[in-house]
Amino acid sequence: MVERDVQAILTELVRRENESSRRLRALEERSSLTEMRASTLQDSFLKMNEEKKAFNEKLNERLTNIENSMLRIDNELVKINKNLEKMAKRTELKELENMLSFFNPLKTNFVTREEVERIIEEKGEEK
């Protein structure tokens, strides 16, 4: 009977050892899987971080280009405004046009000095 008890105890110990080994292997597999997932997540995070940095650099470059373009446009607008201030206004151009049309020999009848003197003499005689 003692031998049976020892045999039963040994069988129980072997069974418990096998069960513990199975649980330990399952835990090791879970741990390995968790480490793999963590490594994959870390790689993904690093890749996304590099992509974000590259995107930010491109964005900053584009913003700098836009800012430079806006400064050039602003400078050109200042030059245009200065030139516009120097240009004649529409009313001034109309006035010049009227004056030119007044002195245009094709549209205006000019008189000579002799004709003016003759007209004055005629008017003086009528009075």
N, C-alpha and C. Protein backbone atom coordinates (compact mmCIF):
# COMPACT_ATOMS: atom_id res chain seq x y z
N MET A 1 0.80 -1.17 0.00
CA MET A 1 0.00 0.00 0.00
C MET A 1 0.86 1.27 0.00
N VAL A 2 1.93 1.21 0.68
CA VAL A 2 2.81 2.36 0.75
C VAL A 2 3.36 2.64 -0.65
N GLU A 3 3.62 1.53 -1.34
CA GLU A 3 4.13 1.72 -2.68
C GLU A 3 3.06 2.35 -3.57
N ARG A 4 1.85 1.99 -3.37
CA ARG A 4 0.75 2.58 -4.14
C ARG A 4 0.58 4.04 -3.81
N ASP A 5 0.68 4.35 -2.57
CA ASP A 5 0.56 5.76 -2.16
C ASP A 5 1.71 6.57 -2.76
N VAL A 6 2.90 5.98 -2.74
CA VAL A 6 4.04 6.69 -3.30
C VAL A 6 3.82 6.83 -4.82
N GLN A 7 3.33 5.74 -5.43
CA GLN A 7 3.07 5.79 -6.87
C GLN A 7 1.99 6.84 -7.16
N ALA A 8 0.95 6.92 -6.39
CA ALA A 8 -0.13 7.90 -6.58
C ALA A 8 0.41 9.30 -6.37
N ILE A 9 1.25 9.45 -5.39
CA ILE A 9 1.83 10.78 -5.12
C ILE A 9 2.71 11.19 -6.30
N LEU A 10 3.54 10.24 -6.77
CA LEU A 10 4.42 10.55 -7.89
C LEU A 10 3.60 10.87 -9.15
N THR A 11 2.54 10.11 -9.37
CA THR A 11 1.68 10.38 -10.53
C THR A 11 1.05 11.75 -10.39
N GLU A 12 0.60 12.08 -9.23
CA GLU A 12 -0.01 13.41 -8.99
C GLU A 12 1.02 14.49 -9.19
N LEU A 13 2.25 14.28 -8.71
CA LEU A 13 3.31 15.28 -8.89
C LEU A 13 3.64 15.45 -10.38
N VAL A 14 3.71 14.37 -11.12
CA VAL A 14 4.00 14.44 -12.56
C VAL A 14 2.86 15.17 -13.27
N ARG A 15 1.62 14.83 -12.88
CA ARG A 15 0.48 15.51 -13.49
C ARG A 15 0.53 17.00 -13.21
N ARG A 16 0.79 17.37 -11.96
CA ARG A 16 0.86 18.80 -11.61
C ARG A 16 2.01 19.47 -12.35
N GLU A 17 3.16 18.77 -12.46
CA GLU A 17 4.30 19.33 -13.18
C GLU A 17 3.95 19.54 -14.65
N ASN A 18 3.30 18.58 -15.26
CA ASN A 18 2.88 18.71 -16.65
C ASN A 18 1.90 19.88 -16.83
N GLU A 19 0.98 19.99 -15.88
CA GLU A 19 0.00 21.09 -15.94
C GLU A 19 0.71 22.43 -15.78
N SER A 20 1.67 22.50 -14.86
CA SER A 20 2.42 23.75 -14.66
C SER A 20 3.24 24.08 -15.90
N SER A 21 3.85 23.06 -16.52
CA SER A 21 4.64 23.28 -17.74
C SER A 21 3.74 23.78 -18.87
N ARG A 22 2.56 23.18 -19.00
CA ARG A 22 1.61 23.63 -20.03
C ARG A 22 1.22 25.07 -19.80
N ARG A 23 0.90 25.42 -18.55
CA ARG A 23 0.53 26.81 -18.23
C ARG A 23 1.70 27.76 -18.50
N LEU A 24 2.91 27.32 -18.13
CA LEU A 24 4.08 28.15 -18.34
C LEU A 24 4.32 28.38 -19.83
N ARG A 25 4.18 27.35 -20.68
CA ARG A 25 4.32 27.50 -22.13
C ARG A 25 3.26 28.46 -22.68
N ALA A 26 2.03 28.33 -22.18
CA ALA A 26 0.96 29.23 -22.63
C ALA A 26 1.28 30.67 -22.26
N LEU A 27 1.79 30.87 -21.04
CA LEU A 27 2.18 32.22 -20.62
C LEU A 27 3.34 32.74 -21.45
N GLU A 28 4.32 31.88 -21.75
CA GLU A 28 5.45 32.29 -22.58
C GLU A 28 4.98 32.68 -23.98
N GLU A 29 4.04 31.91 -24.54
CA GLU A 29 3.49 32.24 -25.86
C GLU A 29 2.76 33.57 -25.83
N ARG A 30 1.96 33.79 -24.79
CA ARG A 30 1.26 35.08 -24.65
C ARG A 30 2.26 36.22 -24.50
N SER A 31 3.29 35.97 -23.71
CA SER A 31 4.31 37.00 -23.50
C SER A 31 5.02 37.31 -24.81
N SER A 32 5.37 36.27 -25.56
CA SER A 32 6.03 36.46 -26.85
C SER A 32 5.13 37.21 -27.82
N LEU A 33 3.87 36.83 -27.87
CA LEU A 33 2.90 37.50 -28.73
C LEU A 33 2.75 38.97 -28.32
N THR A 34 2.69 39.22 -27.02
CA THR A 34 2.58 40.60 -26.52
C THR A 34 3.81 41.41 -26.90
N GLU A 35 5.00 40.80 -26.77
CA GLU A 35 6.22 41.50 -27.16
C GLU A 35 6.25 41.80 -28.65
N MET A 36 5.79 40.84 -29.47
CA MET A 36 5.73 41.06 -30.91
C MET A 36 4.78 42.21 -31.24
N ARG A 37 3.62 42.22 -30.61
CA ARG A 37 2.65 43.30 -30.85
C ARG A 37 3.23 44.64 -30.42
N ALA A 38 3.90 44.64 -29.27
CA ALA A 38 4.49 45.90 -28.78
C ALA A 38 5.58 46.37 -29.74
N SER A 39 6.37 45.44 -30.25
CA SER A 39 7.42 45.80 -31.20
C SER A 39 6.81 46.35 -32.49
N THR A 40 5.75 45.69 -32.97
CA THR A 40 5.07 46.15 -34.19
C THR A 40 4.48 47.54 -33.97
N LEU A 41 3.86 47.74 -32.83
CA LEU A 41 3.29 49.06 -32.51
C LEU A 41 4.39 50.12 -32.44
N GLN A 42 5.51 49.75 -31.84
CA GLN A 42 6.62 50.70 -31.73
C GLN A 42 7.15 51.05 -33.12
N ASP A 43 7.32 50.04 -33.98
CA ASP A 43 7.78 50.30 -35.35
C ASP A 43 6.79 51.19 -36.10
N SER A 44 5.51 50.88 -35.94
CA SER A 44 4.48 51.70 -36.60
C SER A 44 4.52 53.13 -36.09
N PHE A 45 4.68 53.27 -34.79
CA PHE A 45 4.73 54.62 -34.20
C PHE A 45 5.94 55.38 -34.73
N LEU A 46 7.10 54.73 -34.79
CA LEU A 46 8.31 55.38 -35.29
C LEU A 46 8.14 55.78 -36.76
N LYS A 47 7.54 54.89 -37.55
CA LYS A 47 7.32 55.20 -38.96
C LYS A 47 6.36 56.38 -39.11
N MET A 48 5.28 56.36 -38.34
CA MET A 48 4.31 57.47 -38.40
C MET A 48 4.96 58.76 -37.94
N ASN A 49 5.83 58.68 -36.94
CA ASN A 49 6.51 59.87 -36.45
C ASN A 49 7.44 60.44 -37.52
N GLU A 50 8.15 59.58 -38.25
CA GLU A 50 9.01 60.05 -39.33
C GLU A 50 8.19 60.67 -40.45
N GLU A 51 7.06 60.04 -40.79
CA GLU A 51 6.19 60.59 -41.83
C GLU A 51 5.63 61.94 -41.40
N LYS A 52 5.30 62.06 -40.12
CA LYS A 52 4.77 63.33 -39.62
C LYS A 52 5.84 64.42 -39.70
N LYS A 53 7.09 64.07 -39.37
CA LYS A 53 8.17 65.05 -39.46
C LYS A 53 8.38 65.48 -40.90
N ALA A 54 8.37 64.52 -41.82
CA ALA A 54 8.55 64.85 -43.24
C ALA A 54 7.40 65.74 -43.72
N PHE A 55 6.18 65.41 -43.32
CA PHE A 55 5.02 66.22 -43.70
C PHE A 55 5.14 67.63 -43.14
N ASN A 56 5.56 67.74 -41.88
CA ASN A 56 5.71 69.06 -41.26
C ASN A 56 6.79 69.88 -41.96
N GLU A 57 7.88 69.22 -42.37
CA GLU A 57 8.94 69.94 -43.08
C GLU A 57 8.43 70.46 -44.42
N LYS A 58 7.70 69.61 -45.15
CA LYS A 58 7.13 70.04 -46.42
C LYS A 58 6.14 71.17 -46.22
N LEU A 59 5.32 71.04 -45.19
CA LEU A 59 4.32 72.07 -44.91
C LEU A 59 5.00 73.39 -44.55
N ASN A 60 6.04 73.33 -43.73
CA ASN A 60 6.77 74.55 -43.37
C ASN A 60 7.43 75.17 -44.59
N GLU A 61 7.96 74.34 -45.48
CA GLU A 61 8.57 74.85 -46.69
C GLU A 61 7.54 75.55 -47.58
N ARG A 62 6.38 74.91 -47.71
CA ARG A 62 5.32 75.51 -48.52
C ARG A 62 4.83 76.82 -47.90
N LEU A 63 4.70 76.84 -46.57
CA LEU A 63 4.27 78.07 -45.90
C LEU A 63 5.30 79.18 -46.09
N THR A 64 6.58 78.82 -46.04
CA THR A 64 7.63 79.81 -46.26
C THR A 64 7.55 80.35 -47.68
N ASN A 65 7.33 79.45 -48.66
CA ASN A 65 7.20 79.89 -50.04
C ASN A 65 5.99 80.81 -50.22
N ILE A 66 4.89 80.46 -49.58
CA ILE A 66 3.68 81.30 -49.66
C ILE A 66 3.94 82.65 -49.02
N GLU A 67 4.63 82.65 -47.89
CA GLU A 67 4.93 83.91 -47.21
C GLU A 67 5.82 84.79 -48.09
N ASN A 68 6.84 84.17 -48.73
CA ASN A 68 7.71 84.94 -49.63
C ASN A 68 6.93 85.48 -50.81
N SER A 69 6.04 84.66 -51.36
CA SER A 69 5.22 85.12 -52.48
C SER A 69 4.33 86.29 -52.06
N MET A 70 3.76 86.19 -50.89
CA MET A 70 2.89 87.27 -50.41
C MET A 70 3.69 88.55 -50.19
N LEU A 71 4.92 88.41 -49.70
CA LEU A 71 5.76 89.60 -49.53
C LEU A 71 6.07 90.24 -50.88
N ARG A 72 6.38 89.41 -51.89
CA ARG A 72 6.65 89.95 -53.23
C ARG A 72 5.40 90.64 -53.78
N ILE A 73 4.25 90.01 -53.59
CA ILE A 73 2.99 90.61 -54.07
C ILE A 73 2.73 91.93 -53.35
N ASP A 74 2.97 91.94 -52.05
CA ASP A 74 2.77 93.17 -51.27
C ASP A 74 3.69 94.28 -51.78
N ASN A 75 4.95 93.93 -52.04
CA ASN A 75 5.89 94.93 -52.57
C ASN A 75 5.44 95.44 -53.93
N GLU A 76 4.96 94.54 -54.78
CA GLU A 76 4.48 94.95 -56.10
C GLU A 76 3.25 95.85 -55.97
N LEU A 77 2.37 95.54 -55.03
CA LEU A 77 1.19 96.38 -54.82
C LEU A 77 1.59 97.78 -54.37
N VAL A 78 2.61 97.86 -53.51
CA VAL A 78 3.08 99.17 -53.07
C VAL A 78 3.61 99.95 -54.28
N LYS A 79 4.38 99.29 -55.14
CA LYS A 79 4.90 99.95 -56.34
C LYS A 79 3.76 100.41 -57.24
N ILE A 80 2.77 99.54 -57.43
CA ILE A 80 1.63 99.88 -58.28
C ILE A 80 0.88 101.08 -57.71
N ASN A 81 0.68 101.09 -56.39
CA ASN A 81 -0.01 102.23 -55.76
C ASN A 81 0.77 103.51 -55.95
N LYS A 82 2.10 103.44 -55.84
CA LYS A 82 2.91 104.65 -56.06
C LYS A 82 2.78 105.13 -57.49
N ASN A 83 2.77 104.18 -58.43
CA ASN A 83 2.62 104.55 -59.84
C ASN A 83 1.23 105.10 -60.11
N LEU A 84 0.21 104.54 -59.45
CA LEU A 84 -1.15 105.05 -59.64
C LEU A 84 -1.29 106.48 -59.13
N GLU A 85 -0.58 106.79 -58.05
CA GLU A 85 -0.65 108.16 -57.53
C GLU A 85 -0.05 109.15 -58.52
N LYS A 86 0.94 108.70 -59.30
CA LYS A 86 1.59 109.58 -60.26
C LYS A 86 0.78 109.72 -61.55
N MET A 87 -0.11 108.79 -61.81
CA MET A 87 -0.88 108.81 -63.05
C MET A 87 -2.00 109.84 -62.99
N ALA A 88 -2.39 110.30 -64.17
CA ALA A 88 -3.47 111.28 -64.25
C ALA A 88 -4.81 110.59 -63.99
N LYS A 89 -5.69 111.36 -63.37
CA LYS A 89 -7.03 110.83 -63.10
C LYS A 89 -7.91 111.00 -64.33
N ARG A 90 -9.02 110.32 -64.33
CA ARG A 90 -9.93 110.35 -65.48
C ARG A 90 -10.41 111.77 -65.77
N THR A 91 -10.71 112.53 -64.72
CA THR A 91 -11.19 113.90 -64.94
C THR A 91 -10.08 114.76 -65.55
N GLU A 92 -8.85 114.54 -65.11
CA GLU A 92 -7.73 115.30 -65.67
C GLU A 92 -7.55 114.95 -67.14
N LEU A 93 -7.70 113.67 -67.48
CA LEU A 93 -7.58 113.26 -68.88
C LEU A 93 -8.69 113.87 -69.73
N LYS A 94 -9.91 113.91 -69.20
CA LYS A 94 -11.03 114.53 -69.93
C LYS A 94 -10.74 116.01 -70.17
N GLU A 95 -10.20 116.67 -69.14
CA GLU A 95 -9.89 118.09 -69.28
C GLU A 95 -8.83 118.30 -70.36
N LEU A 96 -7.81 117.45 -70.36
CA LEU A 96 -6.77 117.53 -71.40
C LEU A 96 -7.36 117.26 -72.78
N GLU A 97 -8.24 116.29 -72.84
CA GLU A 97 -8.88 115.96 -74.12
C GLU A 97 -9.69 117.15 -74.64
N ASN A 98 -10.42 117.79 -73.73
CA ASN A 98 -11.20 118.97 -74.14
C ASN A 98 -10.30 120.10 -74.62
N MET A 99 -9.19 120.28 -73.91
CA MET A 99 -8.26 121.36 -74.32
C MET A 99 -7.64 121.04 -75.67
N LEU A 100 -7.28 119.79 -75.88
CA LEU A 100 -6.69 119.41 -77.17
C LEU A 100 -7.70 119.54 -78.30
N SER A 101 -8.93 119.17 -78.02
CA SER A 101 -9.94 119.29 -79.07
C SER A 101 -10.21 120.77 -79.38
N PHE A 102 -10.06 121.61 -78.37
CA PHE A 102 -10.26 123.04 -78.58
C PHE A 102 -9.17 123.60 -79.50
N PHE A 103 -7.95 123.13 -79.34
CA PHE A 103 -6.83 123.63 -80.15
C PHE A 103 -6.56 122.78 -81.39
N ASN A 104 -7.40 121.82 -81.66
CA ASN A 104 -7.22 120.97 -82.82
C ASN A 104 -7.53 121.77 -84.09
N PRO A 105 -6.57 121.93 -84.98
CA PRO A 105 -6.81 122.75 -86.17
C PRO A 105 -7.82 122.14 -87.13
N LEU A 106 -8.02 120.84 -87.05
CA LEU A 106 -8.99 120.21 -87.95
C LEU A 106 -10.42 120.46 -87.50
N LYS A 107 -10.60 120.66 -86.21
CA LYS A 107 -11.95 120.87 -85.70
C LYS A 107 -12.25 122.34 -85.36
N THR A 108 -11.20 123.09 -85.16
CA THR A 108 -11.39 124.48 -84.74
C THR A 108 -10.99 125.41 -85.89
N ASN A 109 -11.73 126.49 -86.03
CA ASN A 109 -11.41 127.49 -87.04
C ASN A 109 -10.58 128.58 -86.39
N PHE A 110 -9.33 128.70 -86.83
CA PHE A 110 -8.48 129.76 -86.33
C PHE A 110 -8.56 130.95 -87.28
N VAL A 111 -8.31 132.11 -86.72
CA VAL A 111 -8.31 133.33 -87.55
C VAL A 111 -6.92 133.94 -87.51
N THR A 112 -6.59 134.61 -88.53
CA THR A 112 -5.28 135.26 -88.57
C THR A 112 -5.38 136.63 -87.91
N ARG A 113 -4.26 137.25 -87.71
CA ARG A 113 -4.22 138.57 -87.08
C ARG A 113 -4.95 139.60 -87.94
N GLU A 114 -4.76 139.52 -89.21
CA GLU A 114 -5.41 140.47 -90.10
C GLU A 114 -6.93 140.32 -90.04
N GLU A 115 -7.40 139.05 -89.95
CA GLU A 115 -8.83 138.83 -89.89
C GLU A 115 -9.40 139.38 -88.59
N VAL A 116 -8.65 139.21 -87.49
CA VAL A 116 -9.12 139.74 -86.20
C VAL A 116 -9.18 141.27 -86.28
N GLU A 117 -8.16 141.90 -86.82
CA GLU A 117 -8.14 143.36 -86.91
C GLU A 117 -9.27 143.85 -87.80
N ARG A 118 -9.53 143.16 -88.89
CA ARG A 118 -10.61 143.56 -89.79
C ARG A 118 -11.95 143.45 -89.08
N ILE A 119 -12.15 142.32 -88.32
CA ILE A 119 -13.42 142.13 -87.60
C ILE A 119 -13.58 143.24 -86.57
N ILE A 120 -12.49 143.59 -85.87
CA ILE A 120 -12.57 144.66 -84.87
C ILE A 120 -12.92 145.98 -85.53
N GLU A 121 -12.33 146.26 -86.66
CA GLU A 121 -12.63 147.51 -87.38
C GLU A 121 -14.08 147.55 -87.80
N GLU A 122 -14.57 146.42 -88.28
CA GLU A 122 -15.96 146.36 -88.72
C GLU A 122 -16.90 146.59 -87.54
N LYS A 123 -16.57 146.01 -86.42
CA LYS A 123 -17.41 146.20 -85.23
C LYS A 123 -17.32 147.64 -84.75
N GLY A 124 -16.16 148.21 -84.84
CA GLY A 124 -15.98 149.61 -84.42
C GLY A 124 -16.75 150.57 -85.32
N GLU A 125 -16.83 150.30 -86.58
CA GLU A 125 -17.55 151.16 -87.52
C GLU A 125 -19.05 151.04 -87.32
N GLU A 126 -19.51 149.88 -86.93
CA GLU A 126 -20.93 149.69 -86.73
C GLU A 126 -21.42 150.50 -85.52
N LYS A 127 -20.60 150.77 -84.61
CA LYS A 127 -21.03 151.48 -83.42
C LYS A 127 -21.07 152.91 -83.67
